[in-house]
Amino acid sequence: YMIEKFPSKGTSVLVTKDMCDLNNHMNVVYYQHIFEDGCHNFYQEMGFSNDYFNDGFSSFTLESNIRYLKELLEGEKGTPYFRLIKINPKLIHYAGIIVDEAGNVSSFSEHVLAHVDMNVRKTSEMPDDLVASLNSMLEEHNSTGPIDFDLRLGIK
């Protein structure tokens, strides 16, 4: 049920002993790793391809918030899923979940990205074609229904 509301599937990770802390569950630092390493397909879907970077543009994370809802233990697999929340000409707000193999949400995250012109390393407006593509993606993601989390971050 929850997965359908986060249509972009990321890369699954198997929790190893090295990822666990003294509580014998995955240490909080690895949740960020799963969200970060698992979002490459999502970034490609948004339009942040190697060609786009080669053209001199990128995105910088301005703010993140992670909630830890259910521990992941050694030997369990966590899979991230992502969804656009809102965009404006310079900013992107998206959310992600990490789901265990039983379908339980172990973590929820929100991120705000700034579109950046790397030639001057400053926030800049996205090109019209990227905004149009993101709006289309946003419409598709919104069609899955509302998410069951209160948002803590936002953009105007």
N, C-alpha and C. Protein backbone atom coordinates (compact mmCIF):
# COMPACT_ATOMS: atom_id res chain seq x y z
N TYR A 1 0.83 -1.21 0.00
CA TYR A 1 0.00 0.00 0.00
C TYR A 1 0.86 1.25 0.00
N MET A 2 1.81 1.33 0.94
CA MET A 2 2.63 2.54 1.06
C MET A 2 3.55 2.70 -0.15
N ILE A 3 4.05 1.58 -0.67
CA ILE A 3 5.00 1.64 -1.78
C ILE A 3 4.39 2.31 -3.00
N GLU A 4 3.10 2.07 -3.26
CA GLU A 4 2.47 2.66 -4.44
C GLU A 4 2.48 4.19 -4.40
N LYS A 5 2.55 4.76 -3.22
CA LYS A 5 2.52 6.21 -3.08
C LYS A 5 3.91 6.84 -3.25
N PHE A 6 4.92 5.99 -3.39
CA PHE A 6 6.30 6.42 -3.61
C PHE A 6 6.79 5.66 -4.86
N PRO A 7 6.45 6.17 -6.06
CA PRO A 7 6.58 5.38 -7.29
C PRO A 7 8.00 5.11 -7.78
N SER A 8 9.00 5.80 -7.28
CA SER A 8 10.35 5.60 -7.79
C SER A 8 11.13 4.69 -6.84
N LYS A 9 11.39 3.47 -7.29
CA LYS A 9 12.10 2.49 -6.46
C LYS A 9 13.60 2.68 -6.58
N GLY A 10 14.27 2.64 -5.43
CA GLY A 10 15.72 2.75 -5.39
C GLY A 10 16.39 1.41 -5.22
N THR A 11 17.66 1.44 -4.88
CA THR A 11 18.49 0.26 -4.74
C THR A 11 18.37 -0.34 -3.34
N SER A 12 18.05 -1.63 -3.26
CA SER A 12 17.94 -2.32 -1.97
C SER A 12 19.32 -2.53 -1.35
N VAL A 13 19.33 -2.55 -0.02
CA VAL A 13 20.57 -2.76 0.73
C VAL A 13 20.33 -3.83 1.79
N LEU A 14 21.26 -4.78 1.88
CA LEU A 14 21.23 -5.80 2.92
C LEU A 14 22.02 -5.28 4.12
N VAL A 15 21.41 -5.28 5.29
CA VAL A 15 22.06 -4.78 6.50
C VAL A 15 23.12 -5.80 6.96
N THR A 16 24.36 -5.35 7.04
CA THR A 16 25.46 -6.21 7.47
C THR A 16 25.83 -5.91 8.92
N LYS A 17 26.62 -6.78 9.50
CA LYS A 17 27.07 -6.61 10.89
C LYS A 17 27.81 -5.28 11.05
N ASP A 18 28.61 -4.91 10.05
CA ASP A 18 29.38 -3.66 10.10
C ASP A 18 28.49 -2.42 10.15
N MET A 19 27.25 -2.54 9.68
CA MET A 19 26.31 -1.42 9.66
C MET A 19 25.57 -1.27 10.99
N CYS A 20 25.71 -2.25 11.86
CA CYS A 20 24.96 -2.26 13.12
C CYS A 20 25.76 -1.62 14.25
N ASP A 21 25.04 -1.06 15.22
CA ASP A 21 25.68 -0.41 16.36
C ASP A 21 25.53 -1.27 17.61
N LEU A 22 25.79 -0.69 18.77
CA LEU A 22 25.73 -1.42 20.03
C LEU A 22 24.33 -1.92 20.37
N ASN A 23 23.31 -1.35 19.74
CA ASN A 23 21.93 -1.80 19.95
C ASN A 23 21.56 -2.97 19.03
N ASN A 24 22.54 -3.42 18.24
CA ASN A 24 22.35 -4.52 17.30
C ASN A 24 21.29 -4.24 16.24
N HIS A 25 21.15 -2.97 15.89
CA HIS A 25 20.33 -2.59 14.74
C HIS A 25 21.14 -1.63 13.88
N MET A 26 20.64 -1.37 12.67
CA MET A 26 21.38 -0.51 11.76
C MET A 26 21.53 0.88 12.38
N ASN A 27 22.75 1.37 12.36
CA ASN A 27 23.07 2.69 12.88
C ASN A 27 22.42 3.76 11.99
N VAL A 28 22.04 4.87 12.61
CA VAL A 28 21.30 5.93 11.90
C VAL A 28 22.04 6.46 10.68
N VAL A 29 23.36 6.46 10.72
CA VAL A 29 24.12 7.01 9.58
C VAL A 29 23.84 6.23 8.30
N TYR A 30 23.50 4.95 8.40
CA TYR A 30 23.27 4.14 7.20
C TYR A 30 21.90 4.40 6.57
N TYR A 31 20.95 4.92 7.33
CA TYR A 31 19.67 5.30 6.72
C TYR A 31 19.93 6.40 5.68
N GLN A 32 20.74 7.38 6.05
CA GLN A 32 21.09 8.44 5.10
C GLN A 32 21.81 7.86 3.89
N HIS A 33 22.71 6.90 4.12
CA HIS A 33 23.41 6.25 3.00
C HIS A 33 22.41 5.56 2.06
N ILE A 34 21.44 4.86 2.62
CA ILE A 34 20.46 4.17 1.77
C ILE A 34 19.65 5.18 0.96
N PHE A 35 19.22 6.26 1.61
CA PHE A 35 18.48 7.29 0.87
C PHE A 35 19.36 7.92 -0.20
N GLU A 36 20.60 8.23 0.14
CA GLU A 36 21.50 8.91 -0.80
C GLU A 36 21.94 7.99 -1.93
N ASP A 37 22.41 6.80 -1.60
CA ASP A 37 22.90 5.88 -2.63
C ASP A 37 21.76 5.30 -3.46
N GLY A 38 20.58 5.22 -2.88
CA GLY A 38 19.45 4.61 -3.57
C GLY A 38 18.65 5.53 -4.46
N CYS A 39 19.01 6.81 -4.50
CA CYS A 39 18.19 7.78 -5.23
C CYS A 39 18.69 8.07 -6.64
N HIS A 40 19.71 7.35 -7.11
CA HIS A 40 20.27 7.66 -8.44
C HIS A 40 19.23 7.54 -9.55
N ASN A 41 18.41 6.49 -9.55
CA ASN A 41 17.37 6.35 -10.57
C ASN A 41 16.36 7.49 -10.48
N PHE A 42 15.99 7.85 -9.25
CA PHE A 42 15.04 8.94 -9.04
C PHE A 42 15.59 10.25 -9.61
N TYR A 43 16.88 10.52 -9.37
CA TYR A 43 17.49 11.75 -9.89
C TYR A 43 17.52 11.72 -11.42
N GLN A 44 17.79 10.54 -12.00
CA GLN A 44 17.75 10.41 -13.46
C GLN A 44 16.34 10.69 -13.97
N GLU A 45 15.33 10.12 -13.29
CA GLU A 45 13.94 10.34 -13.68
C GLU A 45 13.57 11.82 -13.61
N MET A 46 14.14 12.54 -12.63
CA MET A 46 13.85 13.97 -12.50
C MET A 46 14.52 14.79 -13.59
N GLY A 47 15.54 14.24 -14.23
CA GLY A 47 16.24 14.97 -15.29
C GLY A 47 17.67 15.32 -14.96
N PHE A 48 18.15 14.89 -13.80
CA PHE A 48 19.52 15.18 -13.40
C PHE A 48 20.45 14.06 -13.89
N SER A 49 20.63 14.04 -15.22
CA SER A 49 21.46 13.03 -15.87
C SER A 49 22.91 13.52 -15.96
N ASN A 50 23.79 12.63 -16.40
CA ASN A 50 25.19 13.03 -16.61
C ASN A 50 25.28 14.15 -17.64
N ASP A 51 24.45 14.08 -18.69
CA ASP A 51 24.45 15.14 -19.70
C ASP A 51 24.07 16.49 -19.08
N TYR A 52 23.09 16.46 -18.17
CA TYR A 52 22.67 17.71 -17.52
C TYR A 52 23.81 18.28 -16.68
N PHE A 53 24.52 17.40 -15.96
CA PHE A 53 25.67 17.84 -15.17
C PHE A 53 26.78 18.36 -16.08
N ASN A 54 26.99 17.68 -17.21
CA ASN A 54 28.02 18.12 -18.15
C ASN A 54 27.69 19.47 -18.77
N ASP A 55 26.40 19.81 -18.80
CA ASP A 55 25.97 21.12 -19.29
C ASP A 55 26.17 22.22 -18.25
N GLY A 56 26.65 21.85 -17.07
CA GLY A 56 26.99 22.86 -16.06
C GLY A 56 25.95 23.08 -14.99
N PHE A 57 25.03 22.14 -14.82
CA PHE A 57 23.99 22.31 -13.81
C PHE A 57 24.01 21.13 -12.83
N SER A 58 23.51 21.36 -11.63
CA SER A 58 23.44 20.31 -10.63
C SER A 58 22.35 20.66 -9.62
N SER A 59 22.34 19.94 -8.53
CA SER A 59 21.44 20.26 -7.42
C SER A 59 22.22 20.10 -6.13
N PHE A 60 21.91 20.94 -5.18
CA PHE A 60 22.50 20.85 -3.84
C PHE A 60 21.37 20.62 -2.84
N THR A 61 21.60 19.76 -1.88
CA THR A 61 20.63 19.57 -0.80
C THR A 61 20.73 20.74 0.16
N LEU A 62 19.60 21.38 0.43
CA LEU A 62 19.56 22.51 1.37
C LEU A 62 19.12 22.06 2.76
N GLU A 63 18.25 21.05 2.81
CA GLU A 63 17.70 20.63 4.10
C GLU A 63 17.21 19.19 3.99
N SER A 64 17.37 18.45 5.07
CA SER A 64 16.88 17.08 5.15
C SER A 64 16.27 16.84 6.52
N ASN A 65 15.33 15.91 6.56
CA ASN A 65 14.74 15.48 7.82
C ASN A 65 14.49 13.99 7.70
N ILE A 66 14.98 13.22 8.66
CA ILE A 66 14.78 11.77 8.64
C ILE A 66 14.09 11.36 9.93
N ARG A 67 13.06 10.54 9.78
CA ARG A 67 12.38 9.94 10.93
C ARG A 67 12.65 8.44 10.92
N TYR A 68 12.99 7.92 12.09
CA TYR A 68 13.29 6.50 12.26
C TYR A 68 12.08 5.84 12.91
N LEU A 69 11.42 4.96 12.16
CA LEU A 69 10.13 4.43 12.58
C LEU A 69 10.18 2.98 13.04
N LYS A 70 11.05 2.17 12.44
CA LYS A 70 11.16 0.76 12.79
C LYS A 70 12.59 0.34 12.51
N GLU A 71 13.21 -0.30 13.48
CA GLU A 71 14.61 -0.66 13.30
C GLU A 71 14.79 -1.71 12.20
N LEU A 72 15.94 -1.63 11.56
CA LEU A 72 16.37 -2.66 10.62
C LEU A 72 17.51 -3.43 11.28
N LEU A 73 17.43 -4.75 11.25
CA LEU A 73 18.40 -5.61 11.91
C LEU A 73 19.32 -6.26 10.89
N GLU A 74 20.45 -6.75 11.37
CA GLU A 74 21.40 -7.46 10.52
C GLU A 74 20.66 -8.57 9.76
N GLY A 75 20.95 -8.67 8.46
CA GLY A 75 20.33 -9.70 7.64
C GLY A 75 19.04 -9.26 6.98
N GLU A 76 18.47 -8.13 7.41
CA GLU A 76 17.25 -7.61 6.78
C GLU A 76 17.63 -6.71 5.60
N LYS A 77 16.70 -6.62 4.66
CA LYS A 77 16.92 -5.79 3.48
C LYS A 77 16.04 -4.56 3.57
N GLY A 78 16.60 -3.40 3.26
CA GLY A 78 15.86 -2.15 3.18
C GLY A 78 15.88 -1.61 1.77
N THR A 79 14.72 -1.19 1.28
CA THR A 79 14.62 -0.65 -0.08
C THR A 79 14.04 0.75 -0.02
N PRO A 80 14.72 1.73 -0.61
CA PRO A 80 14.18 3.10 -0.63
C PRO A 80 13.22 3.31 -1.81
N TYR A 81 12.22 4.13 -1.57
CA TYR A 81 11.26 4.57 -2.59
C TYR A 81 11.12 6.08 -2.44
N PHE A 82 10.89 6.76 -3.57
CA PHE A 82 10.89 8.21 -3.56
C PHE A 82 9.65 8.78 -4.26
N ARG A 83 9.36 10.05 -3.92
CA ARG A 83 8.20 10.73 -4.48
C ARG A 83 8.43 12.23 -4.46
N LEU A 84 8.08 12.90 -5.54
CA LEU A 84 8.10 14.36 -5.57
C LEU A 84 6.95 14.87 -4.71
N ILE A 85 7.20 15.96 -4.00
CA ILE A 85 6.17 16.60 -3.17
C ILE A 85 5.75 17.94 -3.78
N LYS A 86 6.74 18.76 -4.15
CA LYS A 86 6.44 20.08 -4.70
C LYS A 86 7.68 20.60 -5.42
N ILE A 87 7.47 21.44 -6.42
CA ILE A 87 8.58 22.10 -7.08
C ILE A 87 8.23 23.57 -7.27
N ASN A 88 9.26 24.39 -7.42
CA ASN A 88 9.11 25.75 -7.90
C ASN A 88 10.28 25.98 -8.87
N PRO A 89 10.44 27.14 -9.48
CA PRO A 89 11.48 27.29 -10.50
C PRO A 89 12.92 27.00 -10.03
N LYS A 90 13.17 27.11 -8.73
CA LYS A 90 14.53 26.91 -8.22
C LYS A 90 14.67 25.73 -7.26
N LEU A 91 13.56 25.23 -6.70
CA LEU A 91 13.63 24.25 -5.62
C LEU A 91 12.80 23.01 -5.90
N ILE A 92 13.23 21.90 -5.31
CA ILE A 92 12.51 20.63 -5.39
C ILE A 92 12.37 20.07 -3.98
N HIS A 93 11.15 19.71 -3.61
CA HIS A 93 10.88 19.06 -2.32
C HIS A 93 10.45 17.64 -2.64
N TYR A 94 11.18 16.67 -2.08
CA TYR A 94 10.80 15.27 -2.30
C TYR A 94 10.89 14.50 -1.00
N ALA A 95 10.26 13.34 -0.99
CA ALA A 95 10.25 12.49 0.20
C ALA A 95 10.65 11.07 -0.19
N GLY A 96 11.08 10.33 0.81
CA GLY A 96 11.44 8.94 0.59
C GLY A 96 11.07 8.09 1.79
N ILE A 97 10.93 6.81 1.53
CA ILE A 97 10.71 5.83 2.60
C ILE A 97 11.71 4.70 2.39
N ILE A 98 12.07 4.04 3.48
CA ILE A 98 12.81 2.79 3.41
C ILE A 98 11.87 1.72 3.94
N VAL A 99 11.69 0.67 3.14
CA VAL A 99 10.74 -0.38 3.45
C VAL A 99 11.50 -1.70 3.63
N ASP A 100 11.12 -2.48 4.66
CA ASP A 100 11.73 -3.79 4.83
C ASP A 100 11.02 -4.81 3.94
N GLU A 101 11.50 -6.04 3.94
CA GLU A 101 10.95 -7.06 3.03
C GLU A 101 9.50 -7.40 3.33
N ALA A 102 9.05 -7.15 4.57
CA ALA A 102 7.66 -7.42 4.94
C ALA A 102 6.73 -6.25 4.56
N GLY A 103 7.31 -5.16 4.03
CA GLY A 103 6.51 -4.01 3.64
C GLY A 103 6.35 -2.95 4.71
N ASN A 104 7.05 -3.12 5.85
CA ASN A 104 6.99 -2.14 6.92
C ASN A 104 7.90 -0.95 6.60
N VAL A 105 7.43 0.26 6.87
CA VAL A 105 8.24 1.45 6.66
C VAL A 105 9.16 1.62 7.88
N SER A 106 10.46 1.58 7.62
CA SER A 106 11.42 1.73 8.71
C SER A 106 11.87 3.17 8.87
N SER A 107 11.75 3.97 7.80
CA SER A 107 12.21 5.34 7.88
C SER A 107 11.49 6.19 6.84
N PHE A 108 11.30 7.47 7.17
CA PHE A 108 10.71 8.45 6.26
C PHE A 108 11.64 9.64 6.20
N SER A 109 11.90 10.14 5.00
CA SER A 109 12.78 11.30 4.87
C SER A 109 12.17 12.34 3.95
N GLU A 110 12.57 13.57 4.18
CA GLU A 110 12.21 14.67 3.29
C GLU A 110 13.49 15.42 2.94
N HIS A 111 13.52 15.96 1.73
CA HIS A 111 14.69 16.70 1.28
C HIS A 111 14.24 17.89 0.45
N VAL A 112 14.97 18.99 0.58
CA VAL A 112 14.77 20.16 -0.27
C VAL A 112 16.07 20.37 -1.04
N LEU A 113 15.93 20.37 -2.37
CA LEU A 113 17.07 20.57 -3.26
C LEU A 113 16.98 21.94 -3.91
N ALA A 114 18.14 22.53 -4.15
CA ALA A 114 18.23 23.76 -4.94
C ALA A 114 18.85 23.41 -6.28
N HIS A 115 18.28 23.96 -7.37
CA HIS A 115 18.88 23.84 -8.69
C HIS A 115 20.05 24.81 -8.74
N VAL A 116 21.22 24.35 -9.21
CA VAL A 116 22.44 25.15 -9.13
C VAL A 116 23.10 25.26 -10.50
N ASP A 117 23.49 26.49 -10.84
CA ASP A 117 24.34 26.74 -12.00
C ASP A 117 25.77 26.59 -11.51
N MET A 118 26.43 25.51 -11.92
CA MET A 118 27.76 25.19 -11.40
C MET A 118 28.83 26.16 -11.90
N ASN A 119 28.55 26.94 -12.96
CA ASN A 119 29.52 27.92 -13.44
C ASN A 119 29.73 29.04 -12.42
N VAL A 120 28.67 29.35 -11.67
CA VAL A 120 28.77 30.39 -10.65
C VAL A 120 28.51 29.83 -9.25
N ARG A 121 28.15 28.51 -9.19
CA ARG A 121 27.87 27.81 -7.93
C ARG A 121 26.82 28.54 -7.10
N LYS A 122 25.75 28.93 -7.79
CA LYS A 122 24.63 29.62 -7.14
C LYS A 122 23.32 29.00 -7.61
N THR A 123 22.31 29.15 -6.75
CA THR A 123 20.97 28.70 -7.10
C THR A 123 20.49 29.45 -8.33
N SER A 124 19.88 28.71 -9.25
CA SER A 124 19.37 29.33 -10.47
C SER A 124 18.05 28.66 -10.85
N GLU A 125 17.28 29.35 -11.69
CA GLU A 125 16.03 28.78 -12.16
C GLU A 125 16.31 27.62 -13.11
N MET A 126 15.47 26.61 -13.02
CA MET A 126 15.58 25.47 -13.91
C MET A 126 15.09 25.86 -15.30
N PRO A 127 15.64 25.23 -16.34
CA PRO A 127 15.13 25.49 -17.69
C PRO A 127 13.66 25.05 -17.79
N ASP A 128 12.93 25.70 -18.70
CA ASP A 128 11.49 25.43 -18.85
C ASP A 128 11.19 23.96 -19.13
N ASP A 129 12.04 23.30 -19.94
CA ASP A 129 11.77 21.89 -20.26
C ASP A 129 11.92 21.00 -19.03
N LEU A 130 12.86 21.32 -18.14
CA LEU A 130 13.01 20.55 -16.91
C LEU A 130 11.82 20.78 -15.98
N VAL A 131 11.39 22.02 -15.87
CA VAL A 131 10.22 22.34 -15.03
C VAL A 131 8.99 21.60 -15.56
N ALA A 132 8.81 21.59 -16.88
CA ALA A 132 7.67 20.90 -17.48
C ALA A 132 7.73 19.40 -17.19
N SER A 133 8.90 18.83 -17.31
CA SER A 133 9.09 17.40 -17.04
C SER A 133 8.81 17.08 -15.57
N LEU A 134 9.32 17.94 -14.67
CA LEU A 134 9.09 17.74 -13.24
C LEU A 134 7.62 17.90 -12.89
N ASN A 135 6.93 18.86 -13.52
CA ASN A 135 5.49 19.03 -13.28
C ASN A 135 4.72 17.79 -13.72
N SER A 136 5.12 17.20 -14.83
CA SER A 136 4.47 15.99 -15.31
C SER A 136 4.72 14.84 -14.32
N MET A 137 5.94 14.73 -13.84
CA MET A 137 6.29 13.70 -12.85
C MET A 137 5.51 13.93 -11.56
N LEU A 138 5.40 15.18 -11.14
CA LEU A 138 4.67 15.53 -9.92
C LEU A 138 3.20 15.14 -10.05
N GLU A 139 2.62 15.40 -11.21
CA GLU A 139 1.22 15.04 -11.45
C GLU A 139 1.05 13.51 -11.35
N GLU A 140 1.98 12.78 -11.94
CA GLU A 140 1.94 11.32 -11.88
C GLU A 140 2.06 10.83 -10.43
N HIS A 141 3.00 11.39 -9.68
CA HIS A 141 3.19 10.98 -8.29
C HIS A 141 1.98 11.34 -7.43
N ASN A 142 1.41 12.53 -7.66
CA ASN A 142 0.23 12.95 -6.90
C ASN A 142 -0.98 12.07 -7.19
N SER A 143 -1.01 11.47 -8.37
CA SER A 143 -2.15 10.63 -8.74
C SER A 143 -2.22 9.35 -7.89
N THR A 144 -1.15 9.03 -7.16
CA THR A 144 -1.15 7.85 -6.31
C THR A 144 -1.86 8.11 -4.98
N GLY A 145 -2.24 9.35 -4.73
CA GLY A 145 -2.94 9.70 -3.49
C GLY A 145 -2.03 10.38 -2.49
N PRO A 146 -2.61 10.86 -1.41
CA PRO A 146 -1.81 11.56 -0.39
C PRO A 146 -0.94 10.57 0.40
N ILE A 147 0.18 11.10 0.89
CA ILE A 147 1.03 10.25 1.73
C ILE A 147 0.55 10.34 3.18
N ASP A 148 0.89 9.33 3.96
CA ASP A 148 0.42 9.24 5.34
C ASP A 148 1.41 9.79 6.35
N PHE A 149 2.11 10.86 5.98
CA PHE A 149 3.10 11.47 6.87
C PHE A 149 2.86 12.97 6.90
N ASP A 150 3.01 13.56 8.08
CA ASP A 150 3.02 15.01 8.17
C ASP A 150 4.35 15.52 7.66
N LEU A 151 4.31 16.50 6.77
CA LEU A 151 5.53 17.06 6.22
C LEU A 151 6.10 18.09 7.17
N ARG A 152 7.40 18.05 7.36
CA ARG A 152 8.08 19.01 8.23
C ARG A 152 8.84 20.05 7.46
N LEU A 153 9.12 19.76 6.20
CA LEU A 153 9.83 20.70 5.34
C LEU A 153 8.84 21.23 4.29
N GLY A 154 9.22 22.30 3.64
CA GLY A 154 8.36 22.83 2.59
C GLY A 154 9.05 23.89 1.78
N ILE A 155 8.47 24.18 0.62
CA ILE A 155 8.94 25.29 -0.22
C ILE A 155 7.72 26.06 -0.67
N LYS A 156 7.94 27.32 -1.04
CA LYS A 156 6.84 28.17 -1.50
C LYS A 156 6.58 27.96 -2.96
